[in-house]
Amino acid sequence: MPVYKYSAVAIDGSRRVGQLDVANEAQLSSVLRNNGLFLTTSSLSEKKAAHKKLKDDEVADFCRQLSAMLASGITLIRAMQIIEARDAKPQIKKVYHDLIEELRRGVNLSDSMESEGKAFPALLTNMMRAGENSGGIDKTAEKMAITYDKQYKLNSRMKSASVYPIILAVMIVGVVIVMFTLVLPSFLGVFGDMELPLPTQIMMGISSFLVNYWLFLIAGIVVGVAAIIAIFRRPGPRKAWDHFKLRIPVIGKLVRTVYTARFARTLASLYVSGIPMIQSLNIGRYTVGNTYIESQFDEVINNLGNGRTLSQSMSVVDGFDRKLNSTISIGEESGRLEAMLDSVADQFDYEAEMATERLVTMMEPLMIIIMAVVVVGVIISVLLPIFNMYSSIG
């Protein structure tokens, strides 16, 4: 059973803290209430939270297998045993084993998945809970397999497209290191006490710094990267950075497209499962992956609660492609909101793929030009003193 840490208030007003082995927060609240305590806050113990988070392709595979076996009439526990036996990764097998133990204790699938900490996405857990209520876990699992498979393919395409620019970047760094630490120092003895041109002095200064102080440079880079990571883990700077990403030329349009596709597909999945729209928005906001966009959903939910339509409520969000709101409006008018959301998500997946390819196409020549500029700069800095020597001799 998962271990929950809790803070509760007794009838006399005194505060109590502790931990209990229960299936979920609802059971925790019930157990405490039977003991005259009222739950105020709770959190899952690190024991469960330490589980490996399943990747999109692993979630898709899990849902696909579960759907096929449940549709064939295999019981849930037996289906989970088969899935556990098939998977060869020890960390994932541990997740499935704990899930089976929870199911054997009589805990339903969604609560069992929730008890595994961050192993399963919140979207999948809520979708399974809706499937349990409607009696269609197999259909829900099938739909989620498609959703996570599409998400995995989109992310894979974007990662694959970024491989070549990364290789070029590494090559540029390598060329710079070789030129400044091996090539340029070999000319120092040739030039002797000559009065060097300014470009050559600058290049020689950089070369001397890299040769003599490379250890301090590496230490500075490590400290700088660690400081940047620490800063951007704080809510304020992280939100500011997420906002800035949406404003970067070319890249901003790409990330908007990806965020829009991700949110539209999530909302479509939740909506068709019968989950209330406000709850769907609360779940969907955390699948976007941008804290600046997430922070705007409080106003969206407030507007929806005040009687505005979904399209009117979503119009305040800065960060999604405008086509999303137009599509929602058309879906509301035609009564085909789910179909429209699925359709626009597919469109944005395609647009994101095309935008990624265009971005990579632009970056390749740009990075080659950068490499050429560095090499030419070094060559000119070496040739200038040589030309001056020949001029003096002449």
Protein backbone atom coordinates (compact mmCIF):
# COMPACT_ATOMS: atom_id res chain seq x y z
CA MET A 1 0.00 0.00 0.00
CA PRO A 2 1.22 3.55 -0.65
CA VAL A 3 2.31 5.56 2.36
CA TYR A 4 0.63 8.95 2.81
CA LYS A 5 2.00 11.65 5.09
CA TYR A 6 -0.80 13.76 6.51
CA SER A 7 -1.63 16.76 8.62
CA ALA A 8 -5.01 16.72 10.38
CA VAL A 9 -7.04 18.65 12.96
CA ALA A 10 -8.77 16.97 15.92
CA ILE A 11 -12.19 17.92 17.27
CA ASP A 12 -10.56 19.90 20.09
CA GLY A 13 -8.60 21.96 17.54
CA SER A 14 -5.22 20.33 18.11
CA ARG A 15 -3.03 19.57 15.07
CA ARG A 16 -1.86 16.03 14.34
CA VAL A 17 0.71 14.79 11.82
CA GLY A 18 1.65 11.26 10.82
CA GLN A 19 1.55 8.72 8.03
CA LEU A 20 -0.72 5.84 7.04
CA ASP A 21 -0.70 2.98 4.54
CA VAL A 22 -3.88 3.52 2.50
CA ALA A 23 -4.92 3.10 -1.13
CA ASN A 24 -5.66 6.76 -1.85
CA GLU A 25 -6.47 10.14 -0.31
CA ALA A 26 -10.19 9.35 -0.07
CA GLN A 27 -9.45 6.31 2.09
CA LEU A 28 -6.97 8.37 4.14
CA SER A 29 -9.64 10.98 4.84
CA SER A 30 -12.15 8.28 5.79
CA VAL A 31 -9.76 6.50 8.17
CA LEU A 32 -8.85 9.77 9.90
CA ARG A 33 -12.51 10.79 10.19
CA ASN A 34 -13.30 7.50 11.92
CA ASN A 35 -10.62 8.41 14.46
CA GLY A 36 -12.01 11.90 15.07
CA LEU A 37 -9.53 13.68 12.81
CA PHE A 38 -10.14 15.91 9.80
CA LEU A 39 -7.59 15.85 6.98
CA THR A 40 -6.03 19.20 6.06
CA THR A 41 -3.03 18.31 3.87
CA SER A 42 -1.51 15.08 2.57
CA SER A 43 1.32 13.98 0.33
CA LEU A 44 2.54 10.70 -1.08
CA SER A 45 5.61 9.33 0.66
CA GLU A 46 8.87 9.35 -1.28
CA LYS A 47 8.76 5.56 -1.18
CA LYS A 48 6.15 5.57 -3.94
CA ALA A 49 7.12 8.80 -5.61
CA ALA A 50 10.51 7.31 -6.46
CA HIS A 51 9.01 5.03 -9.13
CA LYS A 52 10.31 5.44 -12.66
CA LYS A 53 8.13 7.68 -14.80
CA LEU A 54 6.94 5.79 -17.86
CA LYS A 55 7.82 7.34 -21.23
CA ASP A 56 5.17 8.08 -23.84
CA ASP A 57 5.96 4.96 -25.89
CA GLU A 58 5.88 2.81 -22.73
CA VAL A 59 2.51 4.27 -21.73
CA ALA A 60 1.19 3.68 -25.26
CA ASP A 61 2.40 0.07 -25.20
CA PHE A 62 0.84 -0.50 -21.76
CA CYS A 63 -2.52 0.88 -22.90
CA ARG A 64 -2.43 -1.07 -26.16
CA GLN A 65 -1.78 -4.40 -24.43
CA LEU A 66 -4.33 -3.71 -21.69
CA SER A 67 -7.02 -2.78 -24.22
CA ALA A 68 -6.44 -5.89 -26.36
CA MET A 69 -6.54 -8.30 -23.42
CA LEU A 70 -9.55 -6.75 -21.68
CA ALA A 71 -11.47 -6.74 -24.97
CA SER A 72 -10.65 -10.48 -25.29
CA GLY A 73 -12.32 -11.19 -21.95
CA ILE A 74 -9.16 -11.58 -19.85
CA THR A 75 -9.54 -10.33 -16.27
CA LEU A 76 -7.76 -7.15 -15.23
CA ILE A 77 -5.37 -8.81 -12.79
CA ARG A 78 -4.49 -11.56 -15.27
CA ALA A 79 -3.94 -8.96 -17.99
CA MET A 80 -1.57 -7.05 -15.70
CA GLN A 81 0.32 -10.26 -14.89
CA ILE A 82 0.84 -10.93 -18.61
CA ILE A 83 2.02 -7.34 -19.18
CA GLU A 84 4.45 -7.62 -16.26
CA ALA A 85 5.85 -10.90 -17.60
CA ARG A 86 6.34 -9.43 -21.09
CA ASP A 87 8.24 -6.30 -20.04
CA ALA A 88 11.97 -6.89 -19.59
CA LYS A 89 12.89 -3.61 -17.86
CA PRO A 90 13.27 -4.14 -14.09
CA GLN A 91 12.11 -0.63 -13.14
CA ILE A 92 8.91 -0.94 -15.17
CA LYS A 93 8.29 -4.49 -13.93
CA LYS A 94 8.44 -3.10 -10.36
CA VAL A 95 5.73 -0.55 -11.24
CA TYR A 96 3.52 -3.27 -12.72
CA HIS A 97 4.17 -5.61 -9.77
CA ASP A 98 3.08 -2.95 -7.27
CA LEU A 99 0.04 -2.23 -9.42
CA ILE A 100 -0.98 -5.90 -9.32
CA GLU A 101 -0.58 -5.98 -5.52
CA GLU A 102 -2.93 -3.01 -5.22
CA LEU A 103 -5.49 -4.65 -7.52
CA ARG A 104 -5.38 -7.83 -5.45
CA ARG A 105 -6.23 -5.80 -2.36
CA GLY A 106 -9.42 -4.66 -4.06
CA VAL A 107 -8.25 -1.19 -5.09
CA ASN A 108 -9.58 -0.11 -8.48
CA LEU A 109 -7.23 0.47 -11.42
CA SER A 110 -7.23 4.28 -11.43
CA ASP A 111 -6.49 4.53 -7.69
CA SER A 112 -3.81 1.87 -8.03
CA MET A 113 -2.17 3.86 -10.84
CA GLU A 114 -2.41 7.03 -8.77
CA SER A 115 -0.71 5.29 -5.85
CA GLU A 116 2.35 4.64 -8.03
CA GLY A 117 3.44 8.26 -7.70
CA LYS A 118 4.63 9.81 -10.96
CA ALA A 119 4.87 6.49 -12.84
CA PHE A 120 1.63 7.06 -14.78
CA PRO A 121 0.59 10.45 -16.23
CA ALA A 122 -2.28 12.23 -14.47
CA LEU A 123 -4.17 12.33 -17.77
CA LEU A 124 -4.11 8.53 -18.07
CA THR A 125 -5.17 8.06 -14.44
CA ASN A 126 -8.17 10.35 -14.84
CA MET A 127 -9.13 8.77 -18.15
CA MET A 128 -9.04 5.30 -16.56
CA ARG A 129 -11.21 6.57 -13.72
CA ALA A 130 -13.74 7.82 -16.27
CA GLY A 131 -13.52 4.44 -18.05
CA GLU A 132 -14.26 2.63 -14.78
CA ASN A 133 -17.35 4.77 -14.23
CA SER A 134 -18.63 4.11 -17.76
CA GLY A 135 -17.65 0.42 -17.77
CA GLY A 136 -15.39 0.78 -20.79
CA ILE A 137 -11.79 0.50 -19.59
CA ASP A 138 -10.78 -1.38 -22.75
CA LYS A 139 -12.10 1.41 -25.03
CA THR A 140 -10.47 4.07 -22.88
CA ALA A 141 -7.14 2.23 -22.94
CA GLU A 142 -7.37 1.88 -26.73
CA LYS A 143 -7.97 5.61 -27.15
CA MET A 144 -5.13 6.51 -24.79
CA ALA A 145 -2.78 4.18 -26.67
CA ILE A 146 -3.49 6.18 -29.83
CA THR A 147 -3.05 9.49 -27.98
CA TYR A 148 0.31 8.62 -26.42
CA ASP A 149 1.52 6.96 -29.61
CA LYS A 150 0.91 10.19 -31.56
CA GLN A 151 2.56 12.22 -28.82
CA TYR A 152 5.59 9.93 -28.84
CA LYS A 153 5.94 10.08 -32.63
CA LEU A 154 5.76 13.88 -32.65
CA ASN A 155 8.39 14.18 -29.91
CA SER A 156 10.59 11.61 -31.67
CA ARG A 157 10.44 13.53 -34.95
CA MET A 158 11.43 16.74 -33.19
CA LYS A 159 14.33 15.02 -31.39
CA SER A 160 15.51 13.38 -34.61
CA ALA A 161 15.39 16.71 -36.42
CA SER A 162 17.57 18.30 -33.74
CA VAL A 163 20.34 15.67 -33.97
CA TYR A 164 22.12 17.20 -36.99
CA PRO A 165 22.22 20.76 -35.56
CA ILE A 166 23.62 19.35 -32.31
CA ILE A 167 26.33 17.49 -34.24
CA LEU A 168 27.19 20.71 -36.09
CA ALA A 169 27.34 22.63 -32.81
CA VAL A 170 29.73 20.06 -31.34
CA MET A 171 31.88 20.28 -34.47
CA ILE A 172 32.01 24.08 -34.20
CA VAL A 173 33.15 23.87 -30.57
CA GLY A 174 35.74 21.25 -31.54
CA VAL A 175 37.09 23.37 -34.41
CA VAL A 176 37.33 26.44 -32.15
CA ILE A 177 39.22 24.47 -29.47
CA VAL A 178 41.68 23.02 -32.00
CA MET A 179 42.28 26.36 -33.73
CA PHE A 180 42.85 28.32 -30.51
CA THR A 181 44.81 25.73 -28.54
CA LEU A 182 46.91 24.04 -31.25
CA VAL A 183 47.06 26.16 -34.40
CA LEU A 184 47.41 29.71 -33.07
CA PRO A 185 50.03 28.96 -30.33
CA SER A 186 52.35 27.51 -33.00
CA PHE A 187 52.60 30.97 -34.59
CA LEU A 188 53.59 32.78 -31.39
CA GLY A 189 57.27 31.88 -31.88
CA VAL A 190 57.19 32.94 -35.53
CA PHE A 191 55.93 36.43 -34.78
CA GLY A 192 58.36 36.97 -31.88
CA ASP A 193 58.36 40.58 -30.64
CA MET A 194 56.55 41.96 -33.70
CA GLU A 195 53.88 44.59 -33.21
CA LEU A 196 50.78 42.62 -34.09
CA PRO A 197 47.56 43.99 -35.66
CA LEU A 198 44.56 44.32 -33.35
CA PRO A 199 42.65 41.27 -34.79
CA THR A 200 45.74 39.10 -34.24
CA GLN A 201 46.20 40.43 -30.68
CA ILE A 202 42.58 39.56 -29.88
CA MET A 203 42.91 36.04 -31.29
CA MET A 204 46.22 35.48 -29.52
CA GLY A 205 44.72 36.71 -26.25
CA ILE A 206 41.82 34.26 -26.55
CA SER A 207 44.24 31.47 -27.44
CA SER A 208 46.50 32.24 -24.46
CA PHE A 209 43.52 32.29 -22.10
CA LEU A 210 42.24 28.90 -23.35
CA VAL A 211 45.69 27.31 -23.09
CA ASN A 212 46.61 28.67 -19.65
CA TYR A 213 43.26 28.92 -17.90
CA TRP A 214 41.19 26.11 -19.45
CA LEU A 215 40.53 24.56 -16.04
CA PHE A 216 39.03 27.81 -14.72
CA LEU A 217 36.96 28.11 -17.89
CA ILE A 218 35.48 24.62 -17.44
CA ALA A 219 34.79 25.32 -13.76
CA GLY A 220 33.11 28.60 -14.70
CA ILE A 221 30.94 26.88 -17.29
CA VAL A 222 29.88 24.17 -14.80
CA VAL A 223 29.06 26.75 -12.12
CA GLY A 224 27.24 28.91 -14.64
CA VAL A 225 25.11 26.02 -15.92
CA ALA A 226 24.30 24.92 -12.35
CA ALA A 227 23.32 28.51 -11.44
CA ILE A 228 21.07 28.82 -14.50
CA ILE A 229 19.36 25.50 -13.71
CA ALA A 230 18.82 26.57 -10.08
CA ILE A 231 17.41 29.93 -11.17
CA PHE A 232 14.99 28.48 -13.71
CA ARG A 233 13.67 25.97 -11.20
CA ARG A 234 12.13 28.89 -9.33
CA PRO A 235 8.54 29.71 -10.41
CA GLY A 236 9.18 33.37 -11.34
CA PRO A 237 12.17 32.95 -13.68
CA ARG A 238 10.70 29.72 -15.13
CA LYS A 239 7.46 31.51 -16.00
CA ALA A 240 9.36 34.44 -17.53
CA TRP A 241 11.46 32.06 -19.65
CA ASP A 242 8.37 30.14 -20.80
CA HIS A 243 6.81 33.46 -21.79
CA PHE A 244 9.95 34.51 -23.66
CA LYS A 245 10.03 31.23 -25.62
CA LEU A 246 6.69 32.13 -27.19
CA ARG A 247 8.14 35.43 -28.47
CA ILE A 248 11.32 34.09 -30.13
CA PRO A 249 11.11 34.56 -33.92
CA VAL A 250 10.46 31.30 -35.81
CA ILE A 251 11.00 29.13 -32.69
CA GLY A 252 8.09 30.84 -30.94
CA LYS A 253 5.66 29.77 -33.67
CA LEU A 254 6.94 26.19 -33.48
CA VAL A 255 6.50 25.86 -29.70
CA ARG A 256 3.03 27.45 -29.92
CA THR A 257 2.06 24.81 -32.47
CA VAL A 258 3.38 21.98 -30.28
CA TYR A 259 1.61 23.32 -27.17
CA THR A 260 -1.65 23.74 -29.05
CA ALA A 261 -1.56 20.20 -30.49
CA ARG A 262 -0.79 18.74 -27.06
CA PHE A 263 -3.60 20.60 -25.32
CA ALA A 264 -6.20 19.98 -28.05
CA ARG A 265 -5.60 16.23 -28.05
CA THR A 266 -5.73 16.05 -24.24
CA LEU A 267 -8.94 18.07 -24.06
CA ALA A 268 -10.56 15.93 -26.77
CA SER A 269 -9.69 12.72 -24.89
CA LEU A 270 -11.04 14.03 -21.59
CA TYR A 271 -14.17 15.54 -23.13
CA VAL A 272 -15.27 12.36 -24.92
CA SER A 273 -14.81 10.37 -21.69
CA GLY A 274 -17.48 12.43 -19.98
CA ILE A 275 -15.17 14.27 -17.57
CA PRO A 276 -16.65 17.71 -16.71
CA MET A 277 -15.14 20.55 -18.72
CA ILE A 278 -13.75 22.43 -15.71
CA GLN A 279 -12.00 19.27 -14.49
CA SER A 280 -10.78 18.59 -18.05
CA LEU A 281 -9.24 22.07 -18.22
CA ASN A 282 -7.58 21.57 -14.84
CA ILE A 283 -6.00 18.33 -16.06
CA GLY A 284 -5.21 19.61 -19.56
CA ARG A 285 -3.39 22.72 -18.35
CA TYR A 286 -0.60 20.61 -16.83
CA THR A 287 -0.03 18.60 -20.02
CA VAL A 288 0.94 21.72 -22.01
CA GLY A 289 4.45 21.95 -20.57
CA ASN A 290 4.57 25.75 -20.25
CA THR A 291 4.09 27.43 -16.86
CA TYR A 292 3.16 30.78 -18.44
CA ILE A 293 0.24 29.20 -20.30
CA GLU A 294 -0.72 27.10 -17.26
CA SER A 295 -1.00 30.21 -15.08
CA GLN A 296 -3.72 31.67 -17.33
CA PHE A 297 -6.16 28.79 -16.85
CA ASP A 298 -7.42 30.12 -13.51
CA GLU A 299 -9.09 32.93 -15.44
CA VAL A 300 -10.36 30.47 -18.08
CA ILE A 301 -11.99 28.27 -15.43
CA ASN A 302 -13.43 31.32 -13.67
CA ASN A 303 -14.96 32.59 -16.93
CA LEU A 304 -16.41 29.16 -17.68
CA GLY A 305 -17.91 29.00 -14.19
CA ASN A 306 -19.54 32.40 -14.78
CA GLY A 307 -21.49 31.05 -17.74
CA ARG A 308 -19.27 31.93 -20.69
CA THR A 309 -18.73 29.44 -23.50
CA LEU A 310 -15.50 27.50 -23.79
CA SER A 311 -14.36 29.52 -26.82
CA GLN A 312 -15.04 32.81 -25.01
CA SER A 313 -13.21 31.56 -21.91
CA MET A 314 -10.22 30.29 -23.91
CA SER A 315 -9.85 33.60 -25.78
CA VAL A 316 -7.88 35.05 -22.83
CA VAL A 317 -5.07 32.46 -23.17
CA ASP A 318 -1.88 33.85 -24.67
CA GLY A 319 0.29 31.06 -26.03
CA PHE A 320 -1.96 28.91 -28.20
CA ASP A 321 -2.42 29.21 -31.94
CA ARG A 322 -5.48 31.32 -32.81
CA LYS A 323 -6.86 28.49 -34.90
CA LEU A 324 -7.61 26.54 -31.70
CA ASN A 325 -10.14 29.05 -30.42
CA SER A 326 -11.81 29.32 -33.84
CA THR A 327 -12.08 25.54 -34.00
CA ILE A 328 -13.61 25.34 -30.51
CA SER A 329 -16.16 27.98 -31.49
CA ILE A 330 -17.14 26.04 -34.62
CA GLY A 331 -17.31 22.81 -32.62
CA GLU A 332 -19.65 24.41 -30.08
CA GLU A 333 -21.93 25.75 -32.79
CA SER A 334 -22.06 22.45 -34.68
CA GLY A 335 -22.18 20.20 -31.60
CA ARG A 336 -19.05 18.34 -32.79
CA LEU A 337 -16.49 19.69 -30.33
CA GLU A 338 -14.68 16.37 -29.81
CA ALA A 339 -14.29 15.71 -33.55
CA MET A 340 -13.09 19.27 -34.16
CA LEU A 341 -10.53 19.06 -31.35
CA ASP A 342 -9.19 15.74 -32.66
CA SER A 343 -9.00 17.18 -36.17
CA VAL A 344 -7.18 20.35 -35.13
CA ALA A 345 -4.75 18.31 -33.00
CA ASP A 346 -3.84 16.22 -36.07
CA GLN A 347 -3.38 19.41 -38.10
CA PHE A 348 -1.09 20.95 -35.49
CA ASP A 349 0.93 17.71 -35.23
CA TYR A 350 1.58 17.94 -38.98
CA GLU A 351 2.32 21.67 -38.79
CA ALA A 352 4.73 21.11 -35.90
CA GLU A 353 6.58 18.47 -37.93
CA MET A 354 6.81 20.76 -40.96
CA ALA A 355 7.87 23.74 -38.83
CA THR A 356 10.61 21.63 -37.21
CA GLU A 357 11.95 20.58 -40.61
CA ARG A 358 11.95 24.21 -41.79
CA LEU A 359 13.77 25.32 -38.65
CA VAL A 360 16.44 22.65 -39.08
CA THR A 361 16.80 23.60 -42.76
CA MET A 362 17.46 27.20 -41.69
CA MET A 363 19.85 26.26 -38.87
CA GLU A 364 22.14 24.03 -40.94
CA PRO A 365 23.55 26.75 -43.25
CA LEU A 366 23.57 29.25 -40.37
CA MET A 367 25.79 27.02 -38.24
CA ILE A 368 28.06 26.25 -41.19
CA ILE A 369 28.44 30.01 -41.74
CA ILE A 370 29.34 30.45 -38.06
CA MET A 371 32.02 27.77 -38.38
CA ALA A 372 33.35 29.40 -41.55
CA VAL A 373 33.50 32.83 -39.87
CA VAL A 374 35.54 31.41 -36.97
CA VAL A 375 37.98 29.65 -39.30
CA VAL A 376 38.33 32.65 -41.60
CA GLY A 377 38.85 34.94 -38.58
CA VAL A 378 41.70 32.77 -37.35
CA ILE A 379 43.27 32.60 -40.81
CA ILE A 380 43.10 36.38 -41.27
CA SER A 381 44.60 36.98 -37.82
CA VAL A 382 47.55 34.76 -38.80
CA LEU A 383 48.01 36.20 -42.30
CA LEU A 384 47.90 39.88 -41.31
CA PRO A 385 51.29 39.86 -39.47
CA ILE A 386 52.82 37.81 -42.31
CA PHE A 387 51.69 40.41 -44.86
CA ASN A 388 53.12 43.15 -42.61
CA MET A 389 56.45 41.27 -42.51
CA TYR A 390 56.60 41.07 -46.30
CA SER A 391 55.68 44.78 -46.55
CA SER A 392 58.52 45.67 -44.17
CA ILE A 393 61.00 43.55 -46.14
CA GLY A 394 59.82 45.14 -49.39
